[in-house]
Amino acid sequence: MRKSSQWVWLKENWEPITALCALFIAALSLIFTWAGHREIERANRLARAPLVRIVHDVENHLIAIENLGFGPGKIYHLDFAVGDFTWSLDETDQPHLIASEISDAVGAALYETAPELADRLFETQASFTQPLSILKVGDVVPIFRFSSDFFNDAPPDAFRSLYSYLSIRACVVDMLGETGGRALSGANRDFSVPCPEPFAPYQEDPWWRFW
């Protein structure tokens, strides 16, 4: 008798039950479609993402940025630190003034261990080359150069002595302004914070974009 009543109830309510099942299946389909879309978006972002590192070119006495990623990018912000002194460079700053201050700060730090090299550095000029530039895939773009006059008759490890005092952070973004990253060199802890936003709608690696 109980089974009979259950069949009667199902017979009388099959339409709402069918509707609920259809709604449940539609919800699952929507979730899977959304998840698939997020995976495709994530793959597309990775496919165009620049991946950069800072290169110390000992032979040519310069510091460069290399793009090892899958897509081109733009260097939009640079940070430098020597001891407690820091500098930031973006499109609104004057590179030649900052380069001179960085060189003098490296010279002051170097003076304690190698005063003769420090004096030589004070007499020369450092310069930015292409600090805020476009990086194609595989490009190695020089951003900062110490004067070649400094290295005339200098010890073989002179360049290594200079950049050992210098911490650098390079902030990059893809050409759509959506996928960003950074390259670090040196031990400055302040550079562990996220890079500043170059322009909307870019956000550096928000967690929800990887769902």
N, C-alpha and C. Protein backbone atom coordinates (compact mmCIF):
# COMPACT_ATOMS: atom_id res chain seq x y z
N MET A 1 0.83 -1.21 0.00
CA MET A 1 0.00 0.00 0.00
C MET A 1 0.87 1.26 0.00
N ARG A 2 1.98 1.18 0.73
CA ARG A 2 2.87 2.34 0.83
C ARG A 2 3.54 2.62 -0.51
N LYS A 3 3.94 1.50 -1.22
CA LYS A 3 4.55 1.67 -2.52
C LYS A 3 3.55 2.28 -3.50
N SER A 4 2.35 1.86 -3.40
CA SER A 4 1.31 2.38 -4.29
C SER A 4 1.12 3.88 -4.08
N SER A 5 1.15 4.32 -2.84
CA SER A 5 1.00 5.76 -2.56
C SER A 5 2.19 6.56 -3.08
N GLN A 6 3.38 5.97 -3.02
CA GLN A 6 4.56 6.66 -3.54
C GLN A 6 4.46 6.83 -5.05
N TRP A 7 4.00 5.78 -5.75
CA TRP A 7 3.84 5.88 -7.19
C TRP A 7 2.78 6.92 -7.54
N VAL A 8 1.74 6.96 -6.75
CA VAL A 8 0.71 7.97 -6.99
C VAL A 8 1.28 9.37 -6.83
N TRP A 9 2.09 9.55 -5.79
CA TRP A 9 2.69 10.87 -5.55
C TRP A 9 3.61 11.27 -6.69
N LEU A 10 4.44 10.28 -7.15
CA LEU A 10 5.34 10.57 -8.27
C LEU A 10 4.55 10.88 -9.53
N LYS A 11 3.46 10.15 -9.76
CA LYS A 11 2.65 10.38 -10.94
C LYS A 11 2.03 11.77 -10.92
N GLU A 12 1.65 12.21 -9.74
CA GLU A 12 1.00 13.51 -9.61
C GLU A 12 2.01 14.67 -9.65
N ASN A 13 3.28 14.39 -9.35
CA ASN A 13 4.27 15.47 -9.24
C ASN A 13 5.44 15.31 -10.22
N TRP A 14 5.25 14.54 -11.28
CA TRP A 14 6.37 14.30 -12.19
C TRP A 14 6.83 15.57 -12.92
N GLU A 15 5.91 16.49 -13.17
CA GLU A 15 6.28 17.70 -13.89
C GLU A 15 7.24 18.58 -13.09
N PRO A 16 6.93 18.93 -11.82
CA PRO A 16 7.90 19.74 -11.06
C PRO A 16 9.21 19.00 -10.81
N ILE A 17 9.11 17.65 -10.63
CA ILE A 17 10.35 16.88 -10.42
C ILE A 17 11.22 16.95 -11.68
N THR A 18 10.59 16.79 -12.84
CA THR A 18 11.34 16.89 -14.10
C THR A 18 11.94 18.28 -14.29
N ALA A 19 11.18 19.29 -13.92
CA ALA A 19 11.67 20.66 -14.04
C ALA A 19 12.88 20.89 -13.13
N LEU A 20 12.81 20.37 -11.90
CA LEU A 20 13.94 20.53 -10.98
C LEU A 20 15.18 19.81 -11.50
N CYS A 21 14.99 18.60 -12.04
CA CYS A 21 16.13 17.86 -12.59
C CYS A 21 16.75 18.62 -13.77
N ALA A 22 15.89 19.17 -14.63
CA ALA A 22 16.39 19.94 -15.77
C ALA A 22 17.15 21.18 -15.29
N LEU A 23 16.61 21.83 -14.25
CA LEU A 23 17.28 23.00 -13.70
C LEU A 23 18.63 22.64 -13.12
N PHE A 24 18.71 21.49 -12.44
CA PHE A 24 19.97 21.03 -11.86
C PHE A 24 20.99 20.74 -12.94
N ILE A 25 20.56 20.07 -14.00
CA ILE A 25 21.48 19.75 -15.10
C ILE A 25 21.95 21.03 -15.79
N ALA A 26 21.04 21.99 -15.96
CA ALA A 26 21.42 23.26 -16.58
C ALA A 26 22.43 24.01 -15.72
N ALA A 27 22.25 23.95 -14.39
CA ALA A 27 23.19 24.61 -13.48
C ALA A 27 24.57 23.97 -13.58
N LEU A 28 24.60 22.63 -13.61
CA LEU A 28 25.88 21.94 -13.76
C LEU A 28 26.54 22.30 -15.08
N SER A 29 25.76 22.34 -16.13
CA SER A 29 26.30 22.69 -17.44
C SER A 29 26.88 24.10 -17.43
N LEU A 30 26.19 25.02 -16.76
CA LEU A 30 26.67 26.39 -16.68
C LEU A 30 27.98 26.46 -15.90
N ILE A 31 28.07 25.71 -14.81
CA ILE A 31 29.29 25.70 -14.01
C ILE A 31 30.46 25.17 -14.82
N PHE A 32 30.25 24.05 -15.53
CA PHE A 32 31.33 23.47 -16.33
C PHE A 32 31.73 24.40 -17.49
N THR A 33 30.74 25.05 -18.07
CA THR A 33 31.05 26.00 -19.15
C THR A 33 31.86 27.16 -18.63
N TRP A 34 31.47 27.68 -17.46
CA TRP A 34 32.20 28.80 -16.86
C TRP A 34 33.62 28.38 -16.51
N ALA A 35 33.78 27.17 -15.93
CA ALA A 35 35.11 26.69 -15.57
C ALA A 35 35.97 26.50 -16.81
N GLY A 36 35.37 25.98 -17.89
CA GLY A 36 36.11 25.83 -19.13
C GLY A 36 36.55 27.16 -19.71
N HIS A 37 35.66 28.14 -19.62
CA HIS A 37 36.00 29.48 -20.09
C HIS A 37 37.16 30.07 -19.30
N ARG A 38 37.15 29.85 -17.97
CA ARG A 38 38.24 30.37 -17.15
C ARG A 38 39.57 29.71 -17.51
N GLU A 39 39.53 28.40 -17.80
CA GLU A 39 40.75 27.70 -18.18
C GLU A 39 41.27 28.21 -19.52
N ILE A 40 40.35 28.45 -20.46
CA ILE A 40 40.77 28.99 -21.76
C ILE A 40 41.38 30.38 -21.58
N GLU A 41 40.73 31.20 -20.75
CA GLU A 41 41.25 32.55 -20.49
C GLU A 41 42.62 32.50 -19.84
N ARG A 42 42.77 31.58 -18.88
CA ARG A 42 44.07 31.43 -18.22
C ARG A 42 45.14 30.99 -19.22
N ALA A 43 44.79 30.04 -20.09
CA ALA A 43 45.75 29.57 -21.10
C ALA A 43 46.13 30.70 -22.05
N ASN A 44 45.14 31.52 -22.43
CA ASN A 44 45.42 32.64 -23.32
C ASN A 44 46.33 33.66 -22.65
N ARG A 45 46.11 33.89 -21.36
CA ARG A 45 46.95 34.83 -20.64
C ARG A 45 48.38 34.33 -20.57
N LEU A 46 48.54 33.03 -20.28
CA LEU A 46 49.88 32.47 -20.21
C LEU A 46 50.55 32.47 -21.58
N ALA A 47 49.75 32.30 -22.63
CA ALA A 47 50.31 32.24 -23.98
C ALA A 47 50.86 33.58 -24.44
N ARG A 48 50.39 34.67 -23.83
CA ARG A 48 50.88 35.99 -24.23
C ARG A 48 51.68 36.66 -23.11
N ALA A 49 51.94 35.95 -22.03
CA ALA A 49 52.58 36.56 -20.87
C ALA A 49 54.08 36.71 -21.06
N PRO A 50 54.63 37.89 -20.77
CA PRO A 50 56.08 38.03 -20.74
C PRO A 50 56.65 37.45 -19.45
N LEU A 51 57.83 36.90 -19.53
CA LEU A 51 58.54 36.38 -18.35
C LEU A 51 59.96 36.93 -18.42
N VAL A 52 60.29 37.79 -17.48
CA VAL A 52 61.54 38.52 -17.61
C VAL A 52 62.52 38.20 -16.47
N ARG A 53 63.78 38.41 -16.77
CA ARG A 53 64.83 38.30 -15.76
C ARG A 53 65.84 39.41 -15.99
N ILE A 54 66.56 39.75 -14.94
CA ILE A 54 67.60 40.78 -15.02
C ILE A 54 68.93 40.11 -15.32
N VAL A 55 69.64 40.64 -16.30
CA VAL A 55 70.90 40.07 -16.77
C VAL A 55 72.02 41.06 -16.49
N HIS A 56 73.11 40.56 -15.89
CA HIS A 56 74.32 41.37 -15.68
C HIS A 56 75.35 40.99 -16.75
N ASP A 57 75.50 41.86 -17.72
CA ASP A 57 76.42 41.61 -18.83
C ASP A 57 77.81 42.10 -18.43
N VAL A 58 78.63 41.17 -17.95
CA VAL A 58 79.95 41.53 -17.45
C VAL A 58 80.85 42.03 -18.58
N GLU A 59 80.72 41.43 -19.75
CA GLU A 59 81.61 41.79 -20.87
C GLU A 59 81.38 43.22 -21.34
N ASN A 60 80.09 43.63 -21.41
CA ASN A 60 79.76 44.97 -21.91
C ASN A 60 79.46 45.95 -20.79
N HIS A 61 79.57 45.52 -19.53
CA HIS A 61 79.42 46.40 -18.37
C HIS A 61 78.05 47.06 -18.33
N LEU A 62 77.01 46.27 -18.53
CA LEU A 62 75.66 46.84 -18.49
C LEU A 62 74.70 45.86 -17.83
N ILE A 63 73.55 46.41 -17.42
CA ILE A 63 72.47 45.63 -16.83
C ILE A 63 71.31 45.64 -17.81
N ALA A 64 70.80 44.45 -18.11
CA ALA A 64 69.76 44.33 -19.13
C ALA A 64 68.59 43.51 -18.60
N ILE A 65 67.50 43.53 -19.37
CA ILE A 65 66.31 42.73 -19.06
C ILE A 65 66.06 41.80 -20.24
N GLU A 66 65.86 40.52 -19.94
CA GLU A 66 65.62 39.52 -20.98
C GLU A 66 64.20 38.98 -20.84
N ASN A 67 63.52 38.84 -21.98
CA ASN A 67 62.16 38.30 -22.00
C ASN A 67 62.22 36.82 -22.41
N LEU A 68 61.92 35.94 -21.45
CA LEU A 68 61.92 34.50 -21.69
C LEU A 68 60.51 33.94 -21.84
N GLY A 69 59.51 34.81 -21.92
CA GLY A 69 58.12 34.37 -21.91
C GLY A 69 57.61 33.99 -23.29
N PHE A 70 56.28 33.90 -23.39
CA PHE A 70 55.63 33.49 -24.63
C PHE A 70 55.13 34.67 -25.45
N GLY A 71 55.12 35.85 -24.86
CA GLY A 71 54.60 37.01 -25.57
C GLY A 71 55.41 38.25 -25.26
N PRO A 72 55.24 39.30 -26.05
CA PRO A 72 55.96 40.55 -25.80
C PRO A 72 55.42 41.27 -24.57
N GLY A 73 56.19 42.18 -24.05
CA GLY A 73 55.77 42.95 -22.88
C GLY A 73 56.39 44.33 -22.89
N LYS A 74 55.96 45.13 -21.95
CA LYS A 74 56.49 46.49 -21.81
C LYS A 74 57.01 46.68 -20.39
N ILE A 75 58.22 47.20 -20.29
CA ILE A 75 58.75 47.61 -18.99
C ILE A 75 58.13 48.97 -18.68
N TYR A 76 57.31 49.03 -17.64
CA TYR A 76 56.62 50.29 -17.35
C TYR A 76 57.09 50.93 -16.05
N HIS A 77 57.89 50.21 -15.26
CA HIS A 77 58.32 50.76 -13.97
C HIS A 77 59.60 50.05 -13.53
N LEU A 78 60.55 50.83 -13.02
CA LEU A 78 61.80 50.29 -12.50
C LEU A 78 62.05 50.84 -11.10
N ASP A 79 62.53 49.98 -10.21
CA ASP A 79 62.94 50.40 -8.87
C ASP A 79 64.41 50.04 -8.69
N PHE A 80 65.14 50.95 -8.03
CA PHE A 80 66.54 50.72 -7.73
C PHE A 80 66.78 51.01 -6.25
N ALA A 81 67.70 50.30 -5.67
CA ALA A 81 68.04 50.53 -4.26
C ALA A 81 69.53 50.28 -4.06
N VAL A 82 70.14 51.17 -3.28
CA VAL A 82 71.52 51.00 -2.82
C VAL A 82 71.49 51.27 -1.33
N GLY A 83 71.63 50.23 -0.53
CA GLY A 83 71.49 50.40 0.92
C GLY A 83 70.08 50.86 1.26
N ASP A 84 69.99 51.98 1.98
CA ASP A 84 68.70 52.53 2.38
C ASP A 84 68.13 53.52 1.37
N PHE A 85 68.85 53.76 0.29
CA PHE A 85 68.40 54.73 -0.71
C PHE A 85 67.67 54.01 -1.83
N THR A 86 66.52 54.55 -2.23
CA THR A 86 65.72 53.93 -3.29
C THR A 86 65.33 54.99 -4.33
N TRP A 87 65.15 54.51 -5.55
CA TRP A 87 64.69 55.35 -6.66
C TRP A 87 63.67 54.57 -7.47
N SER A 88 62.72 55.29 -8.02
CA SER A 88 61.73 54.68 -8.92
C SER A 88 61.75 55.45 -10.23
N LEU A 89 61.55 54.71 -11.29
CA LEU A 89 61.57 55.31 -12.63
C LEU A 89 60.34 54.85 -13.40
N ASP A 90 59.55 55.81 -13.85
CA ASP A 90 58.46 55.53 -14.78
C ASP A 90 58.48 56.60 -15.86
N GLU A 91 57.42 56.67 -16.63
CA GLU A 91 57.44 57.54 -17.80
C GLU A 91 57.45 59.03 -17.47
N THR A 92 57.19 59.37 -16.22
CA THR A 92 57.14 60.79 -15.85
C THR A 92 58.46 61.29 -15.26
N ASP A 93 59.44 60.40 -15.08
CA ASP A 93 60.70 60.78 -14.44
C ASP A 93 61.78 61.12 -15.47
N GLN A 94 62.87 61.69 -14.95
CA GLN A 94 64.00 62.07 -15.79
C GLN A 94 65.15 61.08 -15.56
N PRO A 95 65.39 60.16 -16.50
CA PRO A 95 66.34 59.07 -16.27
C PRO A 95 67.77 59.53 -15.97
N HIS A 96 68.24 60.59 -16.63
CA HIS A 96 69.64 60.97 -16.46
C HIS A 96 69.93 61.45 -15.03
N LEU A 97 68.97 62.10 -14.38
CA LEU A 97 69.18 62.54 -13.00
C LEU A 97 69.23 61.35 -12.05
N ILE A 98 68.34 60.39 -12.25
CA ILE A 98 68.31 59.21 -11.39
C ILE A 98 69.56 58.38 -11.59
N ALA A 99 70.03 58.24 -12.83
CA ALA A 99 71.24 57.45 -13.11
C ALA A 99 72.44 58.01 -12.40
N SER A 100 72.56 59.33 -12.37
CA SER A 100 73.69 59.97 -11.68
C SER A 100 73.63 59.72 -10.18
N GLU A 101 72.44 59.80 -9.59
CA GLU A 101 72.30 59.56 -8.16
C GLU A 101 72.60 58.10 -7.80
N ILE A 102 72.15 57.18 -8.64
CA ILE A 102 72.43 55.76 -8.39
C ILE A 102 73.93 55.50 -8.44
N SER A 103 74.59 56.05 -9.44
CA SER A 103 76.04 55.86 -9.58
C SER A 103 76.78 56.40 -8.36
N ASP A 104 76.39 57.59 -7.90
CA ASP A 104 77.04 58.18 -6.72
C ASP A 104 76.79 57.33 -5.47
N ALA A 105 75.58 56.78 -5.33
CA ALA A 105 75.28 55.94 -4.17
C ALA A 105 76.09 54.65 -4.19
N VAL A 106 76.25 54.04 -5.38
CA VAL A 106 77.09 52.85 -5.49
C VAL A 106 78.53 53.20 -5.14
N GLY A 107 78.99 54.35 -5.61
CA GLY A 107 80.35 54.78 -5.29
C GLY A 107 80.55 54.96 -3.79
N ALA A 108 79.56 55.56 -3.12
CA ALA A 108 79.66 55.75 -1.67
C ALA A 108 79.70 54.41 -0.94
N ALA A 109 78.90 53.45 -1.38
CA ALA A 109 78.92 52.12 -0.76
C ALA A 109 80.23 51.40 -1.04
N LEU A 110 80.77 51.62 -2.22
CA LEU A 110 82.02 50.96 -2.61
C LEU A 110 83.23 51.55 -1.90
N TYR A 111 83.10 52.77 -1.42
CA TYR A 111 84.25 53.49 -0.85
C TYR A 111 84.82 52.78 0.38
N GLU A 112 83.98 52.08 1.12
CA GLU A 112 84.45 51.42 2.34
C GLU A 112 85.42 50.28 2.05
N THR A 113 85.22 49.59 0.94
CA THR A 113 86.06 48.42 0.63
C THR A 113 87.06 48.68 -0.48
N ALA A 114 86.74 49.58 -1.40
CA ALA A 114 87.64 49.85 -2.52
C ALA A 114 87.61 51.34 -2.86
N PRO A 115 88.25 52.16 -2.04
CA PRO A 115 88.17 53.62 -2.25
C PRO A 115 88.70 54.07 -3.61
N GLU A 116 89.71 53.36 -4.13
CA GLU A 116 90.25 53.78 -5.43
C GLU A 116 89.24 53.58 -6.55
N LEU A 117 88.45 52.49 -6.47
CA LEU A 117 87.40 52.28 -7.45
C LEU A 117 86.27 53.29 -7.27
N ALA A 118 85.96 53.62 -6.02
CA ALA A 118 84.91 54.60 -5.75
C ALA A 118 85.27 55.96 -6.33
N ASP A 119 86.53 56.38 -6.14
CA ASP A 119 86.96 57.67 -6.69
C ASP A 119 86.84 57.68 -8.21
N ARG A 120 87.18 56.55 -8.83
CA ARG A 120 87.07 56.47 -10.28
C ARG A 120 85.61 56.54 -10.72
N LEU A 121 84.73 55.90 -9.95
CA LEU A 121 83.31 55.92 -10.30
C LEU A 121 82.73 57.32 -10.17
N PHE A 122 83.17 58.07 -9.16
CA PHE A 122 82.67 59.44 -8.99
C PHE A 122 83.04 60.33 -10.18
N GLU A 123 84.13 59.99 -10.88
CA GLU A 123 84.60 60.81 -11.98
C GLU A 123 83.95 60.44 -13.31
N THR A 124 83.15 59.39 -13.32
CA THR A 124 82.50 58.95 -14.57
C THR A 124 80.99 59.08 -14.43
N GLN A 125 80.30 58.80 -15.51
CA GLN A 125 78.85 58.94 -15.52
C GLN A 125 78.19 57.61 -15.90
N ALA A 126 77.18 57.24 -15.12
CA ALA A 126 76.33 56.10 -15.50
C ALA A 126 75.14 56.64 -16.28
N SER A 127 74.47 55.77 -17.00
CA SER A 127 73.35 56.25 -17.81
C SER A 127 72.34 55.13 -18.03
N PHE A 128 71.08 55.53 -18.23
CA PHE A 128 70.05 54.61 -18.69
C PHE A 128 70.13 54.53 -20.21
N THR A 129 69.87 53.36 -20.75
CA THR A 129 69.90 53.19 -22.20
C THR A 129 68.47 53.12 -22.75
N GLN A 130 67.78 52.02 -22.49
CA GLN A 130 66.38 51.87 -22.92
C GLN A 130 65.57 51.41 -21.72
N PRO A 131 65.41 52.26 -20.71
CA PRO A 131 64.85 51.77 -19.44
C PRO A 131 63.40 51.33 -19.50
N LEU A 132 62.56 52.06 -20.23
CA LEU A 132 61.13 51.73 -20.31
C LEU A 132 60.81 51.44 -21.78
N SER A 133 60.91 50.18 -22.14
CA SER A 133 60.83 49.83 -23.54
C SER A 133 60.00 48.58 -23.75
N ILE A 134 59.73 48.28 -25.02
CA ILE A 134 59.00 47.08 -25.42
C ILE A 134 59.98 45.91 -25.51
N LEU A 135 59.58 44.77 -24.96
CA LEU A 135 60.40 43.56 -25.01
C LEU A 135 59.71 42.52 -25.88
N LYS A 136 60.31 42.23 -27.03
CA LYS A 136 59.82 41.10 -27.82
C LYS A 136 60.30 39.80 -27.18
N VAL A 137 59.71 38.68 -27.60
CA VAL A 137 60.12 37.39 -27.08
C VAL A 137 61.58 37.14 -27.46
N GLY A 138 62.40 36.83 -26.47
CA GLY A 138 63.81 36.58 -26.72
C GLY A 138 64.70 37.81 -26.66
N ASP A 139 64.10 39.00 -26.56
CA ASP A 139 64.89 40.23 -26.51
C ASP A 139 65.70 40.33 -25.23
N VAL A 140 66.90 40.91 -25.35
CA VAL A 140 67.71 41.30 -24.20
C VAL A 140 67.97 42.80 -24.36
N VAL A 141 67.28 43.60 -23.56
CA VAL A 141 67.32 45.06 -23.73
C VAL A 141 68.14 45.67 -22.59
N PRO A 142 69.22 46.37 -22.91
CA PRO A 142 70.01 47.04 -21.86
C PRO A 142 69.23 48.19 -21.25
N ILE A 143 69.28 48.32 -19.93
CA ILE A 143 68.56 49.41 -19.27
C ILE A 143 69.49 50.36 -18.52
N PHE A 144 70.64 49.86 -18.06
CA PHE A 144 71.52 50.70 -17.24
C PHE A 144 72.96 50.34 -17.55
N ARG A 145 73.79 51.37 -17.71
CA ARG A 145 75.18 51.15 -18.10
C ARG A 145 76.11 52.06 -17.29
N PHE A 146 77.14 51.45 -16.73
CA PHE A 146 78.20 52.25 -16.13
C PHE A 146 79.16 52.68 -17.24
N SER A 147 79.80 53.84 -17.05
CA SER A 147 80.68 54.40 -18.08
C SER A 147 81.84 53.45 -18.38
N SER A 148 82.15 53.30 -19.66
CA SER A 148 83.29 52.46 -20.05
C SER A 148 84.60 53.03 -19.55
N ASP A 149 84.65 54.34 -19.31
CA ASP A 149 85.89 54.95 -18.79
C ASP A 149 86.25 54.39 -17.42
N PHE A 150 85.23 54.00 -16.66
CA PHE A 150 85.49 53.45 -15.33
C PHE A 150 86.29 52.16 -15.40
N PHE A 151 86.09 51.38 -16.47
CA PHE A 151 86.67 50.04 -16.53
C PHE A 151 88.04 50.00 -17.20
N ASN A 152 88.55 51.15 -17.66
CA ASN A 152 89.89 51.18 -18.22
C ASN A 152 90.91 50.84 -17.14
N ASP A 153 91.64 49.76 -17.33
CA ASP A 153 92.65 49.29 -16.37
C ASP A 153 92.05 48.94 -15.01
N ALA A 154 90.76 48.69 -14.95
CA ALA A 154 90.12 48.29 -13.70
C ALA A 154 90.29 46.79 -13.49
N PRO A 155 90.21 46.31 -12.24
CA PRO A 155 90.29 44.87 -11.97
C PRO A 155 89.20 44.11 -12.71
N PRO A 156 89.42 42.84 -13.02
CA PRO A 156 88.43 42.05 -13.77
C PRO A 156 87.06 41.96 -13.09
N ASP A 157 87.05 42.00 -11.76
CA ASP A 157 85.79 41.87 -11.04
C ASP A 157 85.18 43.23 -10.67
N ALA A 158 85.61 44.29 -11.33
CA ALA A 158 85.13 45.63 -10.98
C ALA A 158 83.63 45.76 -11.22
N PHE A 159 83.14 45.26 -12.34
CA PHE A 159 81.71 45.37 -12.63
C PHE A 159 80.89 44.59 -11.62
N ARG A 160 81.38 43.40 -11.26
CA ARG A 160 80.67 42.60 -10.26
C ARG A 160 80.62 43.33 -8.92
N SER A 161 81.66 44.05 -8.59
CA SER A 161 81.68 44.84 -7.35
C SER A 161 80.60 45.92 -7.38
N LEU A 162 80.38 46.50 -8.56
CA LEU A 162 79.39 47.58 -8.66
C LEU A 162 77.98 47.05 -8.49
N TYR A 163 77.61 46.03 -9.27
CA TYR A 163 76.21 45.60 -9.21
C TYR A 163 75.89 44.81 -7.97
N SER A 164 76.91 44.39 -7.19
CA SER A 164 76.61 43.70 -5.93
C SER A 164 75.97 44.63 -4.91
N TYR A 165 76.16 45.93 -5.09
CA TYR A 165 75.54 46.91 -4.17
C TYR A 165 74.17 47.36 -4.64
N LEU A 166 73.79 46.97 -5.84
CA LEU A 166 72.60 47.53 -6.49
C LEU A 166 71.48 46.50 -6.55
N SER A 167 70.31 46.84 -5.99
CA SER A 167 69.11 46.01 -6.11
C SER A 167 68.19 46.64 -7.14
N ILE A 168 67.57 45.78 -7.95
CA ILE A 168 66.73 46.27 -9.05
C ILE A 168 65.44 45.46 -9.09
N ARG A 169 64.34 46.14 -9.38
CA ARG A 169 63.08 45.48 -9.70
C ARG A 169 62.54 46.06 -10.99
N ALA A 170 62.24 45.19 -11.94
CA ALA A 170 61.64 45.61 -13.20
C ALA A 170 60.20 45.10 -13.25
N CYS A 171 59.25 45.98 -13.50
CA CYS A 171 57.84 45.62 -13.60
C CYS A 171 57.43 45.64 -15.06
N VAL A 172 56.80 44.56 -15.51
CA VAL A 172 56.40 44.44 -16.91
C VAL A 172 54.93 44.08 -17.00
N VAL A 173 54.36 44.34 -18.16
CA VAL A 173 52.96 44.01 -18.42
C VAL A 173 52.85 43.60 -19.89
N ASP A 174 51.90 42.71 -20.20
CA ASP A 174 51.73 42.33 -21.61
C ASP A 174 51.12 43.49 -22.39
N MET A 175 51.04 43.31 -23.70
CA MET A 175 50.64 44.42 -24.56
C MET A 175 49.16 44.78 -24.42
N LEU A 176 48.37 43.92 -23.78
CA LEU A 176 46.97 44.23 -23.52
C LEU A 176 46.77 44.83 -22.13
N GLY A 177 47.83 44.90 -21.35
CA GLY A 177 47.72 45.46 -20.01
C GLY A 177 47.00 44.57 -19.03
N GLU A 178 47.01 43.25 -19.25
CA GLU A 178 46.24 42.35 -18.40
C GLU A 178 47.11 41.42 -17.57
N THR A 179 48.26 41.00 -18.09
CA THR A 179 49.11 40.03 -17.40
C THR A 179 50.44 40.68 -17.09
N GLY A 180 50.79 40.73 -15.81
CA GLY A 180 52.01 41.39 -15.40
C GLY A 180 52.92 40.49 -14.60
N GLY A 181 54.11 40.97 -14.36
CA GLY A 181 55.08 40.25 -13.56
C GLY A 181 56.25 41.15 -13.24
N ARG A 182 57.24 40.58 -12.62
CA ARG A 182 58.40 41.39 -12.24
C ARG A 182 59.65 40.52 -12.24
N ALA A 183 60.79 41.19 -12.36
CA ALA A 183 62.10 40.56 -12.25
C ALA A 183 62.85 41.24 -11.13
N LEU A 184 63.55 40.47 -10.32
CA LEU A 184 64.24 41.00 -9.16
C LEU A 184 65.73 40.67 -9.22
N SER A 185 66.52 41.60 -8.72
CA SER A 185 67.95 41.38 -8.59
C SER A 185 68.42 42.11 -7.34
N GLY A 186 69.13 41.43 -6.49
CA GLY A 186 69.58 42.05 -5.24
C GLY A 186 68.73 41.60 -4.07
N ALA A 187 69.01 42.20 -2.92
CA ALA A 187 68.41 41.71 -1.67
C ALA A 187 67.47 42.71 -1.01
N ASN A 188 67.00 43.71 -1.73
CA ASN A 188 66.12 44.69 -1.11
C ASN A 188 64.75 44.09 -0.85
N ARG A 189 64.34 44.05 0.40
CA ARG A 189 63.09 43.39 0.77
C ARG A 189 61.86 44.20 0.36
N ASP A 190 62.01 45.50 0.21
CA ASP A 190 60.86 46.33 -0.17
C ASP A 190 60.32 45.96 -1.54
N PHE A 191 61.14 45.31 -2.36
CA PHE A 191 60.72 44.97 -3.72
C PHE A 191 59.83 43.74 -3.75
N SER A 192 59.56 43.13 -2.59
CA SER A 192 58.68 41.96 -2.55
C SER A 192 57.21 42.33 -2.66
N VAL A 193 56.88 43.60 -2.47
CA VAL A 193 55.49 44.04 -2.58
C VAL A 193 55.10 44.07 -4.05
N PRO A 194 53.79 43.99 -4.38
CA PRO A 194 53.37 44.00 -5.79
C PRO A 194 53.80 45.27 -6.51
N CYS A 195 53.98 45.14 -7.80
CA CYS A 195 54.31 46.29 -8.63
C CYS A 195 53.11 47.24 -8.68
N PRO A 196 53.37 48.52 -8.91
CA PRO A 196 52.24 49.45 -9.09
C PRO A 196 51.50 49.13 -10.38
N GLU A 197 50.23 49.51 -10.44
CA GLU A 197 49.43 49.24 -11.63
C GLU A 197 49.83 50.21 -12.74
N PRO A 198 50.08 49.69 -13.95
CA PRO A 198 50.43 50.60 -15.05
C PRO A 198 49.23 51.36 -15.58
N PHE A 199 48.11 50.66 -15.73
CA PHE A 199 46.87 51.28 -16.17
C PHE A 199 45.79 50.23 -16.05
N ALA A 200 44.53 50.68 -15.96
CA ALA A 200 43.38 49.77 -15.89
C ALA A 200 43.29 49.00 -17.21
N PRO A 201 42.84 47.74 -17.18
CA PRO A 201 42.28 47.01 -16.05
C PRO A 201 43.26 46.06 -15.41
N TYR A 202 44.57 46.31 -15.55
CA TYR A 202 45.58 45.36 -15.09
C TYR A 202 45.61 45.22 -13.58
N GLN A 203 45.70 43.95 -13.11
CA GLN A 203 45.96 43.64 -11.72
C GLN A 203 46.97 42.52 -11.70
N GLU A 204 47.96 42.62 -10.84
CA GLU A 204 49.03 41.64 -10.87
C GLU A 204 48.60 40.32 -10.25
N ASP A 205 48.40 39.32 -11.10
CA ASP A 205 48.13 37.95 -10.69
C ASP A 205 47.06 37.83 -9.60
N PRO A 206 45.85 38.38 -9.79
CA PRO A 206 44.80 38.18 -8.78
C PRO A 206 44.44 36.71 -8.70
N TRP A 207 44.17 36.23 -7.49
CA TRP A 207 43.95 34.80 -7.29
C TRP A 207 42.75 34.28 -8.06
N TRP A 208 41.68 35.12 -8.20
CA TRP A 208 40.47 34.60 -8.81
C TRP A 208 40.62 34.33 -10.29
N ARG A 209 41.65 34.89 -10.95
CA ARG A 209 41.82 34.67 -12.37
C ARG A 209 42.35 33.28 -12.68
N PHE A 210 42.79 32.56 -11.66
CA PHE A 210 43.34 31.23 -11.87
C PHE A 210 42.35 30.13 -11.49
N TRP A 211 41.11 30.51 -11.21
CA TRP A 211 40.09 29.51 -10.94
C TRP A 211 39.72 28.81 -12.24
